[in-house]
Amino acid sequence: MDKNSANFVPLTPVSFLRRAVAVYPDKPAVIHGQRSYSYKEFHERCCRLASALSRRGIGPGDTVAIMAPNIPAMLEAAVVAKPDEKWGETPCAFVALRDDCEATDKEIIEYCRDNLAGFKTPRTVVFGPLPKTATGKIQKFVLRERAKQQS
């Protein structure tokens, strides 16, 4: 049988995730060691990311890339500008590690240095929980204030 609109719909990562949330909301979508996220939890995180990108003018069809290790420890991170006497501002990374994960600021900076342009590499890494709104969005204004206090 030939493919046509009546018997075939291409499956994209987004359509797959939407279908999985509808059919299997509580089934595991991401498993790494003892940590897992259900399709519902993973979809909510993806929607928050899409919303944040949309607010910055990035939409369907635009290309966005990030270089990050594929591990749950790096699933939550935010980068803000930190005042710097020499450069004006430098990147400051805030990273929330999972209870069962370990990383050092040197490891994260080295990884970024190897995979990003030098000016994008954080000079500072701060570990701890990320402040969020009731809907789970990261409060970057709080992180910017924390970065200023560390200057």
C-alpha atoms as a PDB file:
ATOM      1  CA  MET A   1       0.000   0.000   0.000  1.00  0.00           C
ATOM      2  CA  ASP A   2       1.358   3.427  -0.920  1.00  0.00           C
ATOM      3  CA  LYS A   3       1.704   6.050   1.784  1.00  0.00           C
ATOM      4  CA  ASN A   4      -0.912   8.799   1.682  1.00  0.00           C
ATOM      5  CA  SER A   5      -2.574  11.211   4.105  1.00  0.00           C
ATOM      6  CA  ALA A   6      -5.234   8.611   4.979  1.00  0.00           C
ATOM      7  CA  ASN A   7      -2.806   5.924   6.165  1.00  0.00           C
ATOM      8  CA  PHE A   8       0.443   7.697   7.043  1.00  0.00           C
ATOM      9  CA  VAL A   9       1.470  10.602   9.224  1.00  0.00           C
ATOM     10  CA  PRO A  10       5.191  11.250   9.716  1.00  0.00           C
ATOM     11  CA  LEU A  11       6.224  10.919  13.345  1.00  0.00           C
ATOM     12  CA  THR A  12       8.339  13.807  14.619  1.00  0.00           C
ATOM     13  CA  PRO A  13       9.916  13.956  18.091  1.00  0.00           C
ATOM     14  CA  VAL A  14       7.250  16.494  19.114  1.00  0.00           C
ATOM     15  CA  SER A  15       4.325  14.442  17.789  1.00  0.00           C
ATOM     16  CA  PHE A  16       5.802  11.312  19.403  1.00  0.00           C
ATOM     17  CA  LEU A  17       6.047  13.071  22.771  1.00  0.00           C
ATOM     18  CA  ARG A  18       2.492  14.441  22.528  1.00  0.00           C
ATOM     19  CA  ARG A  19       1.147  10.980  21.694  1.00  0.00           C
ATOM     20  CA  ALA A  20       3.165   9.330  24.479  1.00  0.00           C
ATOM     21  CA  VAL A  21       1.831  11.867  27.019  1.00  0.00           C
ATOM     22  CA  ALA A  22      -1.739  11.176  25.899  1.00  0.00           C
ATOM     23  CA  VAL A  23      -1.355   7.388  25.968  1.00  0.00           C
ATOM     24  CA  TYR A  24       1.283   6.774  28.668  1.00  0.00           C
ATOM     25  CA  PRO A  25       1.480   9.875  30.909  1.00  0.00           C
ATOM     26  CA  ASP A  26       2.904   8.033  33.938  1.00  0.00           C
ATOM     27  CA  LYS A  27       5.260   5.657  32.096  1.00  0.00           C
ATOM     28  CA  PRO A  28       8.992   6.427  32.234  1.00  0.00           C
ATOM     29  CA  ALA A  29      10.287   8.564  29.363  1.00  0.00           C
ATOM     30  CA  VAL A  30      13.836   9.135  30.631  1.00  0.00           C
ATOM     31  CA  ILE A  31      15.717   6.722  32.881  1.00  0.00           C
ATOM     32  CA  HIS A  32      19.276   7.209  34.058  1.00  0.00           C
ATOM     33  CA  GLY A  33      20.434   5.174  37.023  1.00  0.00           C
ATOM     34  CA  GLN A  34      17.903   5.539  39.824  1.00  0.00           C
ATOM     35  CA  ARG A  35      16.390   8.754  38.383  1.00  0.00           C
ATOM     36  CA  SER A  36      13.442   8.712  35.995  1.00  0.00           C
ATOM     37  CA  TYR A  37      10.984  11.178  34.462  1.00  0.00           C
ATOM     38  CA  SER A  38       7.523  10.244  33.258  1.00  0.00           C
ATOM     39  CA  TYR A  39       6.326  11.300  29.819  1.00  0.00           C
ATOM     40  CA  LYS A  40       4.108  13.869  31.535  1.00  0.00           C
ATOM     41  CA  GLU A  41       7.025  15.355  33.536  1.00  0.00           C
ATOM     42  CA  PHE A  42       9.305  15.371  30.490  1.00  0.00           C
ATOM     43  CA  HIS A  43       6.613  16.989  28.325  1.00  0.00           C
ATOM     44  CA  GLU A  44       6.047  19.729  30.939  1.00  0.00           C
ATOM     45  CA  ARG A  45       9.786  20.500  30.952  1.00  0.00           C
ATOM     46  CA  CYS A  46       9.824  20.629  27.139  1.00  0.00           C
ATOM     47  CA  CYS A  47       6.830  22.998  27.111  1.00  0.00           C
ATOM     48  CA  ARG A  48       8.560  25.322  29.599  1.00  0.00           C
ATOM     49  CA  LEU A  49      11.664  25.352  27.395  1.00  0.00           C
ATOM     50  CA  ALA A  50       9.565  26.028  24.264  1.00  0.00           C
ATOM     51  CA  SER A  51       7.801  28.867  26.062  1.00  0.00           C
ATOM     52  CA  ALA A  52      11.099  30.429  27.137  1.00  0.00           C
ATOM     53  CA  LEU A  53      12.463  30.196  23.579  1.00  0.00           C
ATOM     54  CA  SER A  54       9.258  31.679  22.170  1.00  0.00           C
ATOM     55  CA  ARG A  55       9.500  34.680  24.506  1.00  0.00           C
ATOM     56  CA  ARG A  56      12.938  35.321  23.020  1.00  0.00           C
ATOM     57  CA  GLY A  57      11.629  35.274  19.449  1.00  0.00           C
ATOM     58  CA  ILE A  58      12.666  31.713  18.618  1.00  0.00           C
ATOM     59  CA  GLY A  59       9.904  29.694  16.992  1.00  0.00           C
ATOM     60  CA  PRO A  60       9.099  26.634  14.872  1.00  0.00           C
ATOM     61  CA  GLY A  61      11.647  26.142  12.123  1.00  0.00           C
ATOM     62  CA  ASP A  62      14.421  28.009  13.959  1.00  0.00           C
ATOM     63  CA  THR A  63      17.512  26.037  14.919  1.00  0.00           C
ATOM     64  CA  VAL A  64      18.638  25.961  18.543  1.00  0.00           C
ATOM     65  CA  ALA A  65      21.606  23.999  19.830  1.00  0.00           C
ATOM     66  CA  ILE A  66      23.175  23.307  23.200  1.00  0.00           C
ATOM     67  CA  MET A  67      26.236  21.287  23.996  1.00  0.00           C
ATOM     68  CA  ALA A  68      25.601  19.409  27.232  1.00  0.00           C
ATOM     69  CA  PRO A  69      26.339  15.912  28.454  1.00  0.00           C
ATOM     70  CA  ASN A  70      23.334  13.622  28.145  1.00  0.00           C
ATOM     71  CA  ILE A  71      22.936  12.953  31.855  1.00  0.00           C
ATOM     72  CA  PRO A  72      20.243  13.925  34.361  1.00  0.00           C
ATOM     73  CA  ALA A  73      22.755  15.914  36.405  1.00  0.00           C
ATOM     74  CA  MET A  74      22.750  18.517  33.643  1.00  0.00           C
ATOM     75  CA  LEU A  75      19.017  18.473  33.060  1.00  0.00           C
ATOM     76  CA  GLU A  76      18.633  21.672  35.097  1.00  0.00           C
ATOM     77  CA  ALA A  77      20.999  24.540  34.552  1.00  0.00           C
ATOM     78  CA  ALA A  78      20.743  28.251  33.861  1.00  0.00           C
ATOM     79  CA  VAL A  79      23.324  30.786  32.771  1.00  0.00           C
ATOM     80  CA  VAL A  80      23.170  34.506  33.526  1.00  0.00           C
ATOM     81  CA  ALA A  81      25.533  37.423  33.062  1.00  0.00           C
ATOM     82  CA  LYS A  82      27.751  38.199  36.038  1.00  0.00           C
ATOM     83  CA  PRO A  83      29.355  41.654  36.344  1.00  0.00           C
ATOM     84  CA  ASP A  84      33.088  41.572  35.642  1.00  0.00           C
ATOM     85  CA  GLU A  85      35.572  44.444  36.007  1.00  0.00           C
ATOM     86  CA  LYS A  86      37.681  43.439  33.011  1.00  0.00           C
ATOM     87  CA  TRP A  87      35.064  42.164  30.539  1.00  0.00           C
ATOM     88  CA  GLY A  88      31.923  43.970  31.707  1.00  0.00           C
ATOM     89  CA  GLU A  89      30.027  40.697  32.043  1.00  0.00           C
ATOM     90  CA  THR A  90      30.936  37.007  32.029  1.00  0.00           C
ATOM     91  CA  PRO A  91      28.733  33.891  31.993  1.00  0.00           C
ATOM     92  CA  CYS A  92      27.807  32.461  35.388  1.00  0.00           C
ATOM     93  CA  ALA A  93      26.246  28.977  35.403  1.00  0.00           C
ATOM     94  CA  PHE A  94      23.821  27.825  38.081  1.00  0.00           C
ATOM     95  CA  VAL A  95      23.489  24.041  38.181  1.00  0.00           C
ATOM     96  CA  ALA A  96      21.059  21.916  40.187  1.00  0.00           C
ATOM     97  CA  LEU A  97      22.575  18.468  40.629  1.00  0.00           C
ATOM     98  CA  ARG A  98      20.444  15.458  41.395  1.00  0.00           C
ATOM     99  CA  ASP A  99      20.885  13.834  44.815  1.00  0.00           C
ATOM    100  CA  ASP A 100      22.658  10.854  43.283  1.00  0.00           C
ATOM    101  CA  CYS A 101      24.886  12.893  40.932  1.00  0.00           C
ATOM    102  CA  GLU A 102      28.237  14.563  41.419  1.00  0.00           C
ATOM    103  CA  ALA A 103      30.099  17.171  39.399  1.00  0.00           C
ATOM    104  CA  THR A 104      32.638  19.875  40.085  1.00  0.00           C
ATOM    105  CA  ASP A 105      32.810  23.412  38.756  1.00  0.00           C
ATOM    106  CA  LYS A 106      36.096  22.512  37.054  1.00  0.00           C
ATOM    107  CA  GLU A 107      34.448  19.597  35.184  1.00  0.00           C
ATOM    108  CA  ILE A 108      31.596  21.782  33.938  1.00  0.00           C
ATOM    109  CA  ILE A 109      33.896  24.640  32.904  1.00  0.00           C
ATOM    110  CA  GLU A 110      36.253  22.213  31.145  1.00  0.00           C
ATOM    111  CA  TYR A 111      33.344  20.594  29.293  1.00  0.00           C
ATOM    112  CA  CYS A 112      32.057  24.000  28.185  1.00  0.00           C
ATOM    113  CA  ARG A 113      35.561  25.153  27.173  1.00  0.00           C
ATOM    114  CA  ASP A 114      35.937  22.048  24.988  1.00  0.00           C
ATOM    115  CA  ASN A 115      32.527  22.465  23.329  1.00  0.00           C
ATOM    116  CA  LEU A 116      31.696  26.186  23.258  1.00  0.00           C
ATOM    117  CA  ALA A 117      33.260  29.418  22.095  1.00  0.00           C
ATOM    118  CA  GLY A 118      35.535  30.873  24.781  1.00  0.00           C
ATOM    119  CA  PHE A 119      33.301  33.881  25.471  1.00  0.00           C
ATOM    120  CA  LYS A 120      30.365  31.538  26.145  1.00  0.00           C
ATOM    121  CA  THR A 121      32.240  29.435  28.698  1.00  0.00           C
ATOM    122  CA  PRO A 122      31.127  30.172  32.271  1.00  0.00           C
ATOM    123  CA  ARG A 123      33.825  31.600  34.514  1.00  0.00           C
ATOM    124  CA  THR A 124      31.797  30.715  37.596  1.00  0.00           C
ATOM    125  CA  VAL A 125      29.608  27.692  38.442  1.00  0.00           C
ATOM    126  CA  VAL A 126      27.241  27.773  41.409  1.00  0.00           C
ATOM    127  CA  PHE A 127      25.634  24.545  42.621  1.00  0.00           C
ATOM    128  CA  GLY A 128      22.267  24.420  44.346  1.00  0.00           C
ATOM    129  CA  PRO A 129      18.538  24.432  43.714  1.00  0.00           C
ATOM    130  CA  LEU A 130      17.283  26.784  41.014  1.00  0.00           C
ATOM    131  CA  PRO A 131      14.591  29.256  42.110  1.00  0.00           C
ATOM    132  CA  LYS A 132      11.336  28.628  40.259  1.00  0.00           C
ATOM    133  CA  THR A 133       7.868  30.091  39.931  1.00  0.00           C
ATOM    134  CA  ALA A 134       4.775  28.115  40.919  1.00  0.00           C
ATOM    135  CA  THR A 135       4.579  26.853  37.325  1.00  0.00           C
ATOM    136  CA  GLY A 136       8.177  25.622  37.401  1.00  0.00           C
ATOM    137  CA  LYS A 137       9.881  28.357  35.383  1.00  0.00           C
ATOM    138  CA  ILE A 138      13.390  29.307  36.479  1.00  0.00           C
ATOM    139  CA  GLN A 139      13.500  32.791  38.009  1.00  0.00           C
ATOM    140  CA  LYS A 140      16.514  34.231  36.211  1.00  0.00           C
ATOM    141  CA  PHE A 141      16.121  37.626  37.883  1.00  0.00           C
ATOM    142  CA  VAL A 142      16.878  35.905  41.218  1.00  0.00           C
ATOM    143  CA  LEU A 143      19.939  34.231  39.687  1.00  0.00           C
ATOM    144  CA  ARG A 144      21.146  37.556  38.253  1.00  0.00           C
ATOM    145  CA  GLU A 145      20.925  39.084  41.725  1.00  0.00           C
ATOM    146  CA  ARG A 146      22.884  36.152  43.202  1.00  0.00           C
ATOM    147  CA  ALA A 147      25.538  36.570  40.505  1.00  0.00           C
ATOM    148  CA  LYS A 148      25.845  40.284  41.293  1.00  0.00           C
ATOM    149  CA  GLN A 149      26.324  39.511  44.996  1.00  0.00           C
ATOM    150  CA  GLN A 150      29.226  37.199  44.136  1.00  0.00           C
ATOM    151  CA  SER A 151      31.057  39.922  42.201  1.00  0.00           C
END
